[in-house]
Amino acid sequence: MKYKTLFTALFLMACSSMALGQNAQTASFSITLNDSDGEPVDNGVFLFEPQFEVDEHQMPHQKPAVMNQIDKQFEPHVLVVKAGTEVTFPNADNLFHHVYSFSPTKQFELKLYKEFTAEPLRFENAGIVDIGCNIHDWMLGYIVVSDSPYFGKTNTEGQSLVSLPHGEYTVRFWHPEVEGEKALPPQSISVSTDIQVTWALNTTISLDDEFDSAFGDY
């Protein structure tokens, strides 16, 4: 379900003098994301677009990108990668999956396979890629492809920590249950020291019920 909501209030910054192991030119940007009931929101994606030229040595290392299939669900539900990254789609289930996407950002099809890893796919263009399974209609996952190498995704406690070089950024927000531009319009921030922020949605985020597999393993 999509929520058309305004993303409001509570941009509370607390600057820390502790370097937390970072060098003098890098700061930690810590985010806590809650809904209107004060409940933590996971899978909230924050993209930090630097408004300056980034030195090569300040580029973060992209971890191996994996969208797994476990217990007839995509794991993780939301994956964030930099444009140009290859993503692998292993199948940990002892049954067939047929993974596909019709999204303009990346259209592909991985036909019937099980218990092995399909050839990796490169995601060249920035945008949102909705992923489904032709066999299991309830399976839905998302790949957020970012032009910027700086991004964070909130965990089940609604928290994310991003290491950022000092400078000016435009911050963009996305979540599978809200419209990002309406939830949080792009905003400019300046990073020169460690920062902690708390953001709150003015709506609740519903959680999908776990799928009832009473229909059998198909």
Protein backbone atom coordinates (compact mmCIF):
# COMPACT_ATOMS: atom_id res chain seq x y z
CA MET A 1 0.00 0.00 0.00
CA LYS A 2 1.32 3.44 -0.95
CA TYR A 3 0.96 6.33 1.43
CA LYS A 4 0.73 9.90 0.14
CA THR A 5 2.09 11.69 3.12
CA LEU A 6 4.07 14.68 4.11
CA PHE A 7 7.25 13.87 5.95
CA THR A 8 7.58 16.21 8.90
CA ALA A 9 9.31 17.71 11.87
CA LEU A 10 11.97 16.39 14.17
CA PHE A 11 15.21 17.16 12.43
CA LEU A 12 17.19 17.08 15.67
CA MET A 13 20.92 17.43 15.23
CA ALA A 14 23.39 16.55 17.96
CA CYS A 15 26.98 17.14 17.00
CA SER A 16 29.59 15.00 18.69
CA SER A 17 33.26 15.80 19.12
CA MET A 18 34.17 12.14 19.03
CA ALA A 19 35.76 11.04 15.78
CA LEU A 20 34.57 7.45 16.18
CA GLY A 21 37.67 6.18 14.40
CA GLN A 22 37.07 8.34 11.32
CA ASN A 23 39.79 10.56 9.87
CA ALA A 24 39.57 14.36 10.17
CA GLN A 25 37.85 14.67 6.78
CA THR A 26 35.09 12.13 7.41
CA ALA A 27 32.06 12.29 9.67
CA SER A 28 29.41 9.83 10.86
CA PHE A 29 25.81 10.65 9.96
CA SER A 30 23.50 8.66 12.25
CA ILE A 31 19.78 8.42 11.43
CA THR A 32 16.84 7.21 13.52
CA LEU A 33 13.56 6.88 11.58
CA ASN A 34 10.18 6.47 13.32
CA ASP A 35 6.57 6.47 12.18
CA SER A 36 3.79 8.58 13.69
CA ASP A 37 3.28 6.04 16.49
CA GLY A 38 6.93 6.28 17.45
CA GLU A 39 7.62 2.83 16.05
CA PRO A 40 10.94 2.27 14.25
CA VAL A 41 10.75 2.09 10.45
CA ASP A 42 13.01 -0.32 8.60
CA ASN A 43 13.90 -0.30 4.90
CA GLY A 44 13.97 3.48 4.78
CA VAL A 45 16.57 4.49 2.17
CA PHE A 46 18.56 7.73 2.36
CA LEU A 47 20.66 8.83 -0.62
CA PHE A 48 23.38 11.43 -0.02
CA GLU A 49 24.37 13.21 -3.22
CA PRO A 50 27.63 15.17 -2.78
CA GLN A 51 27.62 18.68 -4.21
CA PHE A 52 31.40 18.57 -4.62
CA GLU A 53 34.02 16.45 -6.36
CA VAL A 54 34.87 13.43 -4.23
CA ASP A 55 38.46 12.22 -4.03
CA GLU A 56 38.98 8.64 -5.18
CA HIS A 57 40.33 7.57 -1.77
CA GLN A 58 37.09 8.74 -0.13
CA MET A 59 34.91 6.46 -2.22
CA PRO A 60 33.30 3.76 -0.03
CA HIS A 61 33.80 0.11 -0.90
CA GLN A 62 30.71 -1.54 -2.36
CA LYS A 63 30.01 -4.83 -0.60
CA PRO A 64 29.01 -7.81 -2.74
CA ALA A 65 25.39 -7.21 -3.74
CA VAL A 66 23.09 -10.20 -3.22
CA MET A 67 19.32 -10.54 -3.56
CA ASN A 68 18.62 -14.00 -2.15
CA GLN A 69 15.47 -16.10 -2.19
CA ILE A 70 14.78 -17.69 1.19
CA ASP A 71 11.53 -19.31 2.35
CA LYS A 72 9.76 -17.92 -0.71
CA GLN A 73 10.72 -14.34 0.09
CA PHE A 74 13.35 -11.97 -1.31
CA GLU A 75 16.13 -11.33 1.18
CA PRO A 76 16.77 -8.51 1.72
CA HIS A 77 13.37 -7.00 0.94
CA VAL A 78 15.18 -3.79 -0.09
CA LEU A 79 18.71 -3.74 -1.54
CA VAL A 80 20.63 -0.50 -2.19
CA VAL A 81 23.53 -0.44 -4.67
CA LYS A 82 25.56 2.11 -6.59
CA ALA A 83 24.91 2.35 -10.33
CA GLY A 84 27.16 -0.06 -12.22
CA THR A 85 27.07 -2.73 -9.50
CA GLU A 86 26.53 -6.40 -10.32
CA VAL A 87 23.84 -8.17 -8.28
CA THR A 88 23.64 -11.94 -7.82
CA PHE A 89 20.34 -13.76 -7.27
CA PRO A 90 20.99 -17.04 -5.45
CA ASN A 91 18.09 -19.37 -4.73
CA ALA A 92 18.34 -20.96 -1.28
CA ASP A 93 14.97 -22.72 -1.64
CA ASN A 94 14.53 -26.30 -2.77
CA LEU A 95 11.94 -25.20 -5.31
CA PHE A 96 11.85 -23.20 -8.51
CA HIS A 97 11.76 -19.43 -8.73
CA HIS A 98 11.32 -17.29 -11.84
CA VAL A 99 12.63 -13.81 -11.04
CA TYR A 100 11.74 -10.85 -13.24
CA SER A 101 11.34 -7.07 -13.40
CA PHE A 102 9.40 -4.85 -15.80
CA SER A 103 10.73 -1.66 -14.21
CA PRO A 104 12.03 0.98 -16.67
CA THR A 105 15.24 1.23 -14.63
CA LYS A 106 16.11 -2.42 -15.33
CA GLN A 107 14.06 -5.05 -17.15
CA PHE A 108 15.20 -8.65 -16.90
CA GLU A 109 14.06 -12.23 -16.53
CA LEU A 110 15.78 -15.14 -14.75
CA LYS A 111 13.84 -18.19 -15.87
CA LEU A 112 13.07 -21.23 -13.76
CA TYR A 113 15.95 -22.25 -11.51
CA LYS A 114 16.52 -23.60 -8.00
CA GLU A 115 19.34 -24.25 -5.55
CA PHE A 116 21.99 -22.39 -7.51
CA THR A 117 23.07 -18.84 -8.27
CA ALA A 118 22.07 -17.32 -11.60
CA GLU A 119 24.58 -15.24 -13.54
CA PRO A 120 24.95 -11.78 -11.95
CA LEU A 121 23.21 -8.82 -13.53
CA ARG A 122 24.68 -5.32 -13.79
CA PHE A 123 22.43 -2.43 -12.76
CA GLU A 124 23.70 0.53 -14.77
CA ASN A 125 21.01 3.17 -14.29
CA ALA A 126 19.83 4.95 -11.15
CA GLY A 127 16.22 4.35 -10.08
CA ILE A 128 13.91 1.87 -8.39
CA VAL A 129 13.66 -1.72 -9.62
CA ASP A 130 10.59 -3.70 -8.52
CA ILE A 131 11.28 -7.44 -8.49
CA GLY A 132 8.79 -10.29 -8.52
CA CYS A 133 8.51 -14.05 -9.05
CA ASN A 134 6.30 -15.45 -11.79
CA ILE A 135 5.56 -18.54 -9.70
CA HIS A 136 5.05 -17.00 -6.25
CA ASP A 137 2.94 -13.89 -6.70
CA TRP A 138 3.41 -12.63 -3.14
CA MET A 139 7.20 -12.37 -3.52
CA LEU A 140 8.19 -8.74 -3.93
CA GLY A 141 11.55 -7.07 -3.55
CA TYR A 142 13.17 -3.76 -4.46
CA ILE A 143 16.60 -2.70 -5.66
CA VAL A 144 17.38 0.99 -5.19
CA VAL A 145 20.12 1.97 -7.65
CA SER A 146 21.95 5.15 -6.64
CA ASP A 147 24.15 7.47 -8.67
CA SER A 148 25.88 8.39 -5.41
CA PRO A 149 28.14 5.97 -3.52
CA TYR A 150 26.83 7.37 -0.21
CA PHE A 151 23.61 5.84 1.03
CA GLY A 152 22.07 4.17 4.05
CA LYS A 153 19.14 1.87 4.81
CA THR A 154 17.44 1.69 8.20
CA ASN A 155 17.41 -1.61 10.07
CA THR A 156 14.60 -3.12 12.14
CA GLU A 157 15.37 -0.61 14.89
CA GLY A 158 14.94 2.25 12.43
CA GLN A 159 18.62 3.12 12.48
CA SER A 160 21.26 3.73 9.83
CA LEU A 161 24.84 4.97 10.02
CA VAL A 162 26.63 6.48 7.00
CA SER A 163 30.24 7.67 6.79
CA LEU A 164 30.48 10.89 4.78
CA PRO A 165 33.36 13.10 3.65
CA HIS A 166 33.00 16.68 4.84
CA GLY A 167 30.98 18.82 2.47
CA GLU A 168 27.54 19.78 1.17
CA TYR A 169 24.95 17.14 0.22
CA THR A 170 21.45 16.80 -1.14
CA VAL A 171 19.56 14.10 0.78
CA ARG A 172 16.78 12.10 -0.86
CA PHE A 173 14.47 9.60 0.83
CA TRP A 174 12.66 6.47 -0.38
CA HIS A 175 10.56 3.75 1.27
CA PRO A 176 8.45 1.04 -0.42
CA GLU A 177 5.29 2.22 1.39
CA VAL A 178 5.51 5.97 0.82
CA GLU A 179 6.13 8.28 -2.10
CA GLY A 180 9.64 9.54 -1.47
CA GLU A 181 9.38 13.05 -2.91
CA LYS A 182 6.18 13.70 -0.95
CA ALA A 183 7.38 11.97 2.19
CA LEU A 184 10.58 13.99 2.36
CA PRO A 185 11.39 16.58 -0.30
CA PRO A 186 15.10 16.72 -1.20
CA GLN A 187 16.99 18.84 1.31
CA SER A 188 20.48 20.26 1.61
CA ILE A 189 22.75 19.46 4.54
CA SER A 190 26.29 20.44 5.48
CA VAL A 191 28.52 17.81 7.07
CA SER A 192 31.61 18.87 8.98
CA THR A 193 31.33 16.81 12.18
CA ASP A 194 29.54 13.74 13.50
CA ILE A 195 25.76 14.21 13.43
CA GLN A 196 22.79 12.39 14.90
CA VAL A 197 19.33 13.05 13.48
CA THR A 198 15.84 11.78 14.28
CA TRP A 199 13.17 11.92 11.61
CA ALA A 200 9.50 10.98 12.04
CA LEU A 201 6.84 10.16 9.48
CA ASN A 202 3.36 11.54 10.11
CA THR A 203 1.81 8.18 9.24
CA THR A 204 2.11 4.62 10.45
CA ILE A 205 3.88 2.01 8.34
CA SER A 206 1.94 -1.21 7.97
CA LEU A 207 3.75 -4.52 7.93
CA ASP A 208 2.68 -7.23 5.50
CA ASP A 209 1.53 -10.40 7.19
CA GLU A 210 3.82 -13.36 6.78
CA PHE A 211 2.70 -15.53 3.89
CA ASP A 212 0.65 -18.58 4.91
CA SER A 213 2.17 -21.49 3.01
CA ALA A 214 -0.91 -23.68 3.42
CA PHE A 215 -1.21 -23.79 -0.35
CA GLY A 216 1.84 -26.05 -0.46
CA ASP A 217 5.35 -25.82 -1.83
CA TYR A 218 4.88 -24.69 -5.37
